[in-house]
Amino acid sequence: MNPDIREGYFSYRLDETHLQKAQTLDGLYAIGSSLKKEPPAKELVRNDKRLATVEMAFRTMKSLSLPIRPIHHRKKARVEAHVL
């Protein structure tokens, strides 16, 4: 969109090429990647789903539904099995 704003005047013009490009993705879930070499689409989807699982686990851990508190032991052997 290219707005033209002046005192007492406003108009805009839609960028048709950008609009057509956006319409090709209507109704689709697109996953972008910044990798130099494009991985297979299945790998991108799998990694995106893994990331969603990690984010859900992190939210659960930070919420009140998981009642744990930090422990402050000085020896490693005492800490290893507190949360599995």
PDB file of N, CA and C in Angstrom:
ATOM      1  N   MET A   1       0.851  -1.165   0.000  1.00  0.00           N
ATOM      2  CA  MET A   1       0.000   0.000   0.000  1.00  0.00           C
ATOM      3  C   MET A   1       0.899   1.232   0.000  1.00  0.00           C
ATOM      4  N   ASN A   2       0.610   2.144  -0.880  1.00  0.00           N
ATOM      5  CA  ASN A   2       1.385   3.380  -0.986  1.00  0.00           C
ATOM      6  C   ASN A   2       0.489   4.559  -0.629  1.00  0.00           C
ATOM      7  N   PRO A   3       0.518   5.010   0.629  1.00  0.00           N
ATOM      8  CA  PRO A   3      -0.357   6.122   1.008  1.00  0.00           C
ATOM      9  C   PRO A   3       0.198   7.475   0.550  1.00  0.00           C
ATOM     10  N   ASP A   4      -0.712   8.364   0.203  1.00  0.00           N
ATOM     11  CA  ASP A   4      -0.374   9.748  -0.134  1.00  0.00           C
ATOM     12  C   ASP A   4      -1.117  10.618   0.870  1.00  0.00           C
ATOM     13  N   ILE A   5      -0.396  11.146   1.842  1.00  0.00           N
ATOM     14  CA  ILE A   5      -1.018  11.900   2.926  1.00  0.00           C
ATOM     15  C   ILE A   5      -0.529  13.344   2.860  1.00  0.00           C
ATOM     16  N   ARG A   6      -1.472  14.237   2.701  1.00  0.00           N
ATOM     17  CA  ARG A   6      -1.188  15.673   2.738  1.00  0.00           C
ATOM     18  C   ARG A   6      -2.268  16.339   3.569  1.00  0.00           C
ATOM     19  N   GLU A   7      -2.093  17.585   3.852  1.00  0.00           N
ATOM     20  CA  GLU A   7      -3.082  18.307   4.652  1.00  0.00           C
ATOM     21  C   GLU A   7      -4.423  18.344   3.920  1.00  0.00           C
ATOM     22  N   GLY A   8      -5.431  17.765   4.555  1.00  0.00           N
ATOM     23  CA  GLY A   8      -6.774  17.730   3.977  1.00  0.00           C
ATOM     24  C   GLY A   8      -6.946  16.716   2.859  1.00  0.00           C
ATOM     25  N   TYR A   9      -5.975  15.828   2.662  1.00  0.00           N
ATOM     26  CA  TYR A   9      -6.051  14.866   1.555  1.00  0.00           C
ATOM     27  C   TYR A   9      -5.425  13.543   1.975  1.00  0.00           C
ATOM     28  N   PHE A  10      -6.081  12.465   1.590  1.00  0.00           N
ATOM     29  CA  PHE A  10      -5.545  11.123   1.835  1.00  0.00           C
ATOM     30  C   PHE A  10      -5.974  10.210   0.701  1.00  0.00           C
ATOM     31  N   SER A  11      -5.038   9.493   0.132  1.00  0.00           N
ATOM     32  CA  SER A  11      -5.362   8.458  -0.859  1.00  0.00           C
ATOM     33  C   SER A  11      -4.321   7.350  -0.748  1.00  0.00           C
ATOM     34  N   TYR A  12      -4.662   6.187  -1.286  1.00  0.00           N
ATOM     35  CA  TYR A  12      -3.720   5.082  -1.280  1.00  0.00           C
ATOM     36  C   TYR A  12      -3.931   4.257  -2.530  1.00  0.00           C
ATOM     37  N   ARG A  13      -2.904   3.486  -2.852  1.00  0.00           N
ATOM     38  CA  ARG A  13      -2.937   2.606  -4.012  1.00  0.00           C
ATOM     39  C   ARG A  13      -2.343   1.272  -3.576  1.00  0.00           C
ATOM     40  N   LEU A  14      -3.056   0.196  -3.849  1.00  0.00           N
ATOM     41  CA  LEU A  14      -2.571  -1.142  -3.483  1.00  0.00           C
ATOM     42  C   LEU A  14      -1.537  -1.606  -4.486  1.00  0.00           C
ATOM     43  N   ASP A  15      -0.520  -2.287  -4.001  1.00  0.00           N
ATOM     44  CA  ASP A  15       0.508  -2.866  -4.844  1.00  0.00           C
ATOM     45  C   ASP A  15      -0.034  -4.197  -5.359  1.00  0.00           C
ATOM     46  N   GLU A  16      -0.473  -4.212  -6.606  1.00  0.00           N
ATOM     47  CA  GLU A  16      -1.138  -5.396  -7.185  1.00  0.00           C
ATOM     48  C   GLU A  16      -0.232  -6.631  -7.206  1.00  0.00           C
ATOM     49  N   THR A  17       1.046  -6.461  -7.501  1.00  0.00           N
ATOM     50  CA  THR A  17       1.936  -7.637  -7.550  1.00  0.00           C
ATOM     51  C   THR A  17       2.091  -8.253  -6.158  1.00  0.00           C
ATOM     52  N   HIS A  18       2.205  -7.412  -5.147  1.00  0.00           N
ATOM     53  CA  HIS A  18       2.307  -7.921  -3.776  1.00  0.00           C
ATOM     54  C   HIS A  18       1.006  -8.603  -3.363  1.00  0.00           C
ATOM     55  N   LEU A  19      -0.112  -8.027  -3.750  1.00  0.00           N
ATOM     56  CA  LEU A  19      -1.420  -8.584  -3.421  1.00  0.00           C
ATOM     57  C   LEU A  19      -1.607  -9.955  -4.079  1.00  0.00           C
ATOM     58  N   GLN A  20      -1.229 -10.088  -5.333  1.00  0.00           N
ATOM     59  CA  GLN A  20      -1.354 -11.379  -6.029  1.00  0.00           C
ATOM     60  C   GLN A  20      -0.440 -12.430  -5.410  1.00  0.00           C
ATOM     61  N   LYS A  21       0.750 -12.013  -5.014  1.00  0.00           N
ATOM     62  CA  LYS A  21       1.680 -12.942  -4.374  1.00  0.00           C
ATOM     63  C   LYS A  21       1.107 -13.439  -3.042  1.00  0.00           C
ATOM     64  N   ALA A  22       0.496 -12.545  -2.274  1.00  0.00           N
ATOM     65  CA  ALA A  22      -0.103 -12.919  -0.996  1.00  0.00           C
ATOM     66  C   ALA A  22      -1.312 -13.824  -1.196  1.00  0.00           C
ATOM     67  N   GLN A  23      -2.072 -13.613  -2.261  1.00  0.00           N
ATOM     68  CA  GLN A  23      -3.266 -14.426  -2.508  1.00  0.00           C
ATOM     69  C   GLN A  23      -2.918 -15.871  -2.848  1.00  0.00           C
ATOM     70  N   THR A  24      -1.734 -16.123  -3.371  1.00  0.00           N
ATOM     71  CA  THR A  24      -1.347 -17.504  -3.675  1.00  0.00           C
ATOM     72  C   THR A  24      -1.180 -18.339  -2.409  1.00  0.00           C
ATOM     73  N   LEU A  25      -0.939 -17.672  -1.263  1.00  0.00           N
ATOM     74  CA  LEU A  25      -0.755 -18.389  -0.003  1.00  0.00           C
ATOM     75  C   LEU A  25      -2.005 -18.403   0.861  1.00  0.00           C
ATOM     76  N   ASP A  26      -3.122 -17.851   0.382  1.00  0.00           N
ATOM     77  CA  ASP A  26      -4.361 -17.844   1.170  1.00  0.00           C
ATOM     78  C   ASP A  26      -4.782 -19.264   1.518  1.00  0.00           C
ATOM     79  N   GLY A  27      -5.036 -19.505   2.796  1.00  0.00           N
ATOM     80  CA  GLY A  27      -5.488 -20.809   3.257  1.00  0.00           C
ATOM     81  C   GLY A  27      -4.376 -21.812   3.475  1.00  0.00           C
ATOM     82  N   LEU A  28      -3.136 -21.417   3.284  1.00  0.00           N
ATOM     83  CA  LEU A  28      -2.007 -22.325   3.476  1.00  0.00           C
ATOM     84  C   LEU A  28      -1.212 -21.922   4.708  1.00  0.00           C
ATOM     85  N   TYR A  29      -0.571 -22.886   5.311  1.00  0.00           N
ATOM     86  CA  TYR A  29       0.326 -22.645   6.429  1.00  0.00           C
ATOM     87  C   TYR A  29       1.735 -22.686   5.862  1.00  0.00           C
ATOM     88  N   ALA A  30       2.407 -21.558   5.836  1.00  0.00           N
ATOM     89  CA  ALA A  30       3.740 -21.484   5.241  1.00  0.00           C
ATOM     90  C   ALA A  30       4.798 -21.445   6.333  1.00  0.00           C
ATOM     91  N   ILE A  31       5.847 -22.204   6.123  1.00  0.00           N
ATOM     92  CA  ILE A  31       6.974 -22.219   7.043  1.00  0.00           C
ATOM     93  C   ILE A  31       8.177 -21.690   6.278  1.00  0.00           C
ATOM     94  N   GLY A  32       8.782 -20.641   6.793  1.00  0.00           N
ATOM     95  CA  GLY A  32       9.958 -20.068   6.147  1.00  0.00           C
ATOM     96  C   GLY A  32      11.236 -20.564   6.796  1.00  0.00           C
ATOM     97  N   SER A  33      12.309 -20.464   6.072  1.00  0.00           N
ATOM     98  CA  SER A  33      13.595 -20.909   6.581  1.00  0.00           C
ATOM     99  C   SER A  33      14.667 -19.928   6.132  1.00  0.00           C
ATOM    100  N   SER A  34      15.625 -19.677   6.999  1.00  0.00           N
ATOM    101  CA  SER A  34      16.740 -18.796   6.642  1.00  0.00           C
ATOM    102  C   SER A  34      17.991 -19.603   6.289  1.00  0.00           C
ATOM    103  N   LEU A  35      17.832 -20.893   6.115  1.00  0.00           N
ATOM    104  CA  LEU A  35      18.970 -21.741   5.780  1.00  0.00           C
ATOM    105  C   LEU A  35      19.446 -21.462   4.361  1.00  0.00           C
ATOM    106  N   LYS A  36      20.738 -21.564   4.138  1.00  0.00           N
ATOM    107  CA  LYS A  36      21.310 -21.331   2.802  1.00  0.00           C
ATOM    108  C   LYS A  36      20.866 -22.422   1.826  1.00  0.00           C
ATOM    109  N   LYS A  37      20.916 -23.679   2.281  1.00  0.00           N
ATOM    110  CA  LYS A  37      20.518 -24.811   1.449  1.00  0.00           C
ATOM    111  C   LYS A  37      19.134 -25.253   1.913  1.00  0.00           C
ATOM    112  N   GLU A  38      18.173 -25.278   1.008  1.00  0.00           N
ATOM    113  CA  GLU A  38      16.793 -25.611   1.372  1.00  0.00           C
ATOM    114  C   GLU A  38      16.669 -27.087   1.775  1.00  0.00           C
ATOM    115  N   PRO A  39      16.233 -27.355   2.994  1.00  0.00           N
ATOM    116  CA  PRO A  39      15.984 -28.745   3.400  1.00  0.00           C
ATOM    117  C   PRO A  39      14.662 -29.224   2.792  1.00  0.00           C
ATOM    118  N   PRO A  40      14.430 -30.531   2.793  1.00  0.00           N
ATOM    119  CA  PRO A  40      13.140 -31.039   2.304  1.00  0.00           C
ATOM    120  C   PRO A  40      11.980 -30.492   3.139  1.00  0.00           C
ATOM    121  N   ALA A  41      10.828 -30.333   2.510  1.00  0.00           N
ATOM    122  CA  ALA A  41       9.654 -29.771   3.192  1.00  0.00           C
ATOM    123  C   ALA A  41       9.263 -30.600   4.412  1.00  0.00           C
ATOM    124  N   LYS A  42       9.354 -31.927   4.307  1.00  0.00           N
ATOM    125  CA  LYS A  42       8.990 -32.788   5.446  1.00  0.00           C
ATOM    126  C   LYS A  42       9.863 -32.499   6.666  1.00  0.00           C
ATOM    127  N   GLU A  43      11.145 -32.224   6.419  1.00  0.00           N
ATOM    128  CA  GLU A  43      12.053 -31.927   7.527  1.00  0.00           C
ATOM    129  C   GLU A  43      11.695 -30.602   8.192  1.00  0.00           C
ATOM    130  N   LEU A  44      11.321 -29.600   7.404  1.00  0.00           N
ATOM    131  CA  LEU A  44      10.908 -28.314   7.969  1.00  0.00           C
ATOM    132  C   LEU A  44       9.659 -28.469   8.830  1.00  0.00           C
ATOM    133  N   VAL A  45       8.684 -29.235   8.340  1.00  0.00           N
ATOM    134  CA  VAL A  45       7.444 -29.447   9.097  1.00  0.00           C
ATOM    135  C   VAL A  45       7.731 -30.195  10.391  1.00  0.00           C
ATOM    136  N   ARG A  46       8.564 -31.234  10.317  1.00  0.00           N
ATOM    137  CA  ARG A  46       8.907 -32.021  11.510  1.00  0.00           C
ATOM    138  C   ARG A  46       9.595 -31.139  12.564  1.00  0.00           C
ATOM    139  N   ASN A  47      10.533 -30.306  12.140  1.00  0.00           N
ATOM    140  CA  ASN A  47      11.233 -29.430  13.083  1.00  0.00           C
ATOM    141  C   ASN A  47      10.309 -28.366  13.654  1.00  0.00           C
ATOM    142  N   ASP A  48       9.357 -27.891  12.859  1.00  0.00           N
ATOM    143  CA  ASP A  48       8.397 -26.906  13.351  1.00  0.00           C
ATOM    144  C   ASP A  48       7.499 -27.528  14.423  1.00  0.00           C
ATOM    145  N   LYS A  49       7.080 -28.769  14.206  1.00  0.00           N
ATOM    146  CA  LYS A  49       6.248 -29.457  15.203  1.00  0.00           C
ATOM    147  C   LYS A  49       7.043 -29.732  16.469  1.00  0.00           C
ATOM    148  N   ARG A  50       8.326 -30.073  16.321  1.00  0.00           N
ATOM    149  CA  ARG A  50       9.186 -30.280  17.492  1.00  0.00           C
ATOM    150  C   ARG A  50       9.308 -28.999  18.308  1.00  0.00           C
ATOM    151  N   LEU A  51       9.473 -27.894  17.617  1.00  0.00           N
ATOM    152  CA  LEU A  51       9.581 -26.609  18.298  1.00  0.00           C
ATOM    153  C   LEU A  51       8.295 -26.299  19.064  1.00  0.00           C
ATOM    154  N   ALA A  52       7.148 -26.612  18.473  1.00  0.00           N
ATOM    155  CA  ALA A  52       5.871 -26.384  19.157  1.00  0.00           C
ATOM    156  C   ALA A  52       5.791 -27.225  20.433  1.00  0.00           C
ATOM    157  N   THR A  53       6.299 -28.452  20.389  1.00  0.00           N
ATOM    158  CA  THR A  53       6.293 -29.321  21.567  1.00  0.00           C
ATOM    159  C   THR A  53       7.191 -28.755  22.660  1.00  0.00           C
ATOM    160  N   VAL A  54       8.350 -28.260  22.279  1.00  0.00           N
ATOM    161  CA  VAL A  54       9.278 -27.675  23.251  1.00  0.00           C
ATOM    162  C   VAL A  54       8.656 -26.429  23.881  1.00  0.00           C
ATOM    163  N   GLU A  55       8.016 -25.594  23.070  1.00  0.00           N
ATOM    164  CA  GLU A  55       7.376 -24.384  23.597  1.00  0.00           C
ATOM    165  C   GLU A  55       6.252 -24.733  24.574  1.00  0.00           C
ATOM    166  N   MET A  56       5.471 -25.780  24.258  1.00  0.00           N
ATOM    167  CA  MET A  56       4.393 -26.195  25.153  1.00  0.00           C
ATOM    168  C   MET A  56       4.973 -26.708  26.482  1.00  0.00           C
ATOM    169  N   ALA A  57       6.060 -27.474  26.422  1.00  0.00           N
ATOM    170  CA  ALA A  57       6.686 -27.970  27.642  1.00  0.00           C
ATOM    171  C   ALA A  57       7.226 -26.815  28.478  1.00  0.00           C
ATOM    172  N   PHE A  58       7.789 -25.821  27.830  1.00  0.00           N
ATOM    173  CA  PHE A  58       8.312 -24.672  28.559  1.00  0.00           C
ATOM    174  C   PHE A  58       7.181 -23.902  29.238  1.00  0.00           C
ATOM    175  N   ARG A  59       6.063 -23.712  28.532  1.00  0.00           N
ATOM    176  CA  ARG A  59       4.920 -23.021  29.136  1.00  0.00           C
ATOM    177  C   ARG A  59       4.390 -23.798  30.334  1.00  0.00           C
ATOM    178  N   THR A  60       4.338 -25.130  30.221  1.00  0.00           N
ATOM    179  CA  THR A  60       3.871 -25.967  31.323  1.00  0.00           C
ATOM    180  C   THR A  60       4.793 -25.838  32.521  1.00  0.00           C
ATOM    181  N   MET A  61       6.083 -25.835  32.242  1.00  0.00           N
ATOM    182  CA  MET A  61       7.061 -25.739  33.318  1.00  0.00           C
ATOM    183  C   MET A  61       6.946 -24.391  34.042  1.00  0.00           C
ATOM    184  N   LYS A  62       6.647 -23.332  33.314  1.00  0.00           N
ATOM    185  CA  LYS A  62       6.574 -22.003  33.904  1.00  0.00           C
ATOM    186  C   LYS A  62       5.215 -21.707  34.541  1.00  0.00           C
ATOM    187  N   SER A  63       4.220 -22.515  34.252  1.00  0.00           N
ATOM    188  CA  SER A  63       2.886 -22.266  34.805  1.00  0.00           C
ATOM    189  C   SER A  63       2.783 -22.870  36.205  1.00  0.00           C
ATOM    190  N   LEU A  64       1.640 -22.713  36.811  1.00  0.00           N
ATOM    191  CA  LEU A  64       1.427 -23.238  38.167  1.00  0.00           C
ATOM    192  C   LEU A  64       1.021 -24.708  38.179  1.00  0.00           C
ATOM    193  N   SER A  65       0.827 -25.301  36.994  1.00  0.00           N
ATOM    194  CA  SER A  65       0.376 -26.692  36.955  1.00  0.00           C
ATOM    195  C   SER A  65       1.487 -27.693  37.296  1.00  0.00           C
ATOM    196  N   LEU A  66       2.711 -27.253  37.340  1.00  0.00           N
ATOM    197  CA  LEU A  66       3.821 -28.129  37.688  1.00  0.00           C
ATOM    198  C   LEU A  66       4.435 -27.606  38.994  1.00  0.00           C
ATOM    199  N   PRO A  67       4.002 -28.167  40.132  1.00  0.00           N
ATOM    200  CA  PRO A  67       4.421 -27.610  41.419  1.00  0.00           C
ATOM    201  C   PRO A  67       5.826 -28.038  41.839  1.00  0.00           C
ATOM    202  N   ILE A  68       6.826 -27.384  41.300  1.00  0.00           N
ATOM    203  CA  ILE A  68       8.189 -27.638  41.745  1.00  0.00           C
ATOM    204  C   ILE A  68       8.806 -26.302  42.143  1.00  0.00           C
ATOM    205  N   ARG A  69       9.850 -26.382  42.917  1.00  0.00           N
ATOM    206  CA  ARG A  69      10.536 -25.158  43.309  1.00  0.00           C
ATOM    207  C   ARG A  69      12.034 -25.407  43.163  1.00  0.00           C
ATOM    208  N   PRO A  70      12.796 -24.359  43.071  1.00  0.00           N
ATOM    209  CA  PRO A  70      14.243 -24.561  42.925  1.00  0.00           C
ATOM    210  C   PRO A  70      14.843 -25.186  44.181  1.00  0.00           C
ATOM    211  N   ILE A  71      15.875 -25.966  43.986  1.00  0.00           N
ATOM    212  CA  ILE A  71      16.587 -26.548  45.118  1.00  0.00           C
ATOM    213  C   ILE A  71      18.004 -25.997  45.120  1.00  0.00           C
ATOM    214  N   HIS A  72      18.566 -25.853  46.262  1.00  0.00           N
ATOM    215  CA  HIS A  72      19.889 -25.255  46.369  1.00  0.00           C
ATOM    216  C   HIS A  72      20.808 -26.180  47.161  1.00  0.00           C
ATOM    217  N   HIS A  73      21.226 -27.273  46.520  1.00  0.00           N
ATOM    218  CA  HIS A  73      22.161 -28.196  47.136  1.00  0.00           C
ATOM    219  C   HIS A  73      23.561 -27.866  46.642  1.00  0.00           C
ATOM    220  N   ARG A  74      24.508 -28.235  47.418  1.00  0.00           N
ATOM    221  CA  ARG A  74      25.882 -27.917  47.042  1.00  0.00           C
ATOM    222  C   ARG A  74      26.587 -29.090  46.349  1.00  0.00           C
ATOM    223  N   LYS A  75      26.032 -30.292  46.435  1.00  0.00           N
ATOM    224  CA  LYS A  75      26.692 -31.450  45.838  1.00  0.00           C
ATOM    225  C   LYS A  75      25.855 -31.991  44.679  1.00  0.00           C
ATOM    226  N   LYS A  76      26.512 -32.306  43.589  1.00  0.00           N
ATOM    227  CA  LYS A  76      25.837 -32.778  42.382  1.00  0.00           C
ATOM    228  C   LYS A  76      25.052 -34.062  42.630  1.00  0.00           C
ATOM    229  N   ALA A  77      25.554 -34.954  43.439  1.00  0.00           N
ATOM    230  CA  ALA A  77      24.883 -36.230  43.688  1.00  0.00           C
ATOM    231  C   ALA A  77      23.523 -36.046  44.339  1.00  0.00           C
ATOM    232  N   ARG A  78      23.314 -34.981  45.055  1.00  0.00           N
ATOM    233  CA  ARG A  78      22.025 -34.739  45.710  1.00  0.00           C
ATOM    234  C   ARG A  78      20.980 -34.159  44.758  1.00  0.00           C
ATOM    235  N   VAL A  79      21.394 -33.629  43.638  1.00  0.00           N
ATOM    236  CA  VAL A  79      20.490 -32.891  42.749  1.00  0.00           C
ATOM    237  C   VAL A  79      19.999 -33.733  41.580  1.00  0.00           C
ATOM    238  N   GLU A  80      20.714 -34.742  41.173  1.00  0.00           N
ATOM    239  CA  GLU A  80      20.464 -35.434  39.919  1.00  0.00           C
ATOM    240  C   GLU A  80      19.044 -35.931  39.720  1.00  0.00           C
ATOM    241  N   ALA A  81      18.356 -36.453  40.710  1.00  0.00           N
ATOM    242  CA  ALA A  81      17.063 -37.097  40.497  1.00  0.00           C
ATOM    243  C   ALA A  81      15.877 -36.332  41.064  1.00  0.00           C
ATOM    244  N   HIS A  82      15.993 -35.054  41.267  1.00  0.00           N
ATOM    245  CA  HIS A  82      14.872 -34.310  41.850  1.00  0.00           C
ATOM    246  C   HIS A  82      13.710 -34.116  40.868  1.00  0.00           C
ATOM    247  N   VAL A  83      13.995 -33.869  39.601  1.00  0.00           N
ATOM    248  CA  VAL A  83      12.937 -33.697  38.598  1.00  0.00           C
ATOM    249  C   VAL A  83      13.286 -34.568  37.410  1.00  0.00           C
ATOM    250  N   LEU A  84      12.379 -35.477  37.088  1.00  0.00           N
ATOM    251  CA  LEU A  84      12.612 -36.374  35.945  1.00  0.00           C
ATOM    252  C   LEU A  84      11.598 -36.094  34.862  1.00  0.00           C
TER     253      LEU A  84
END
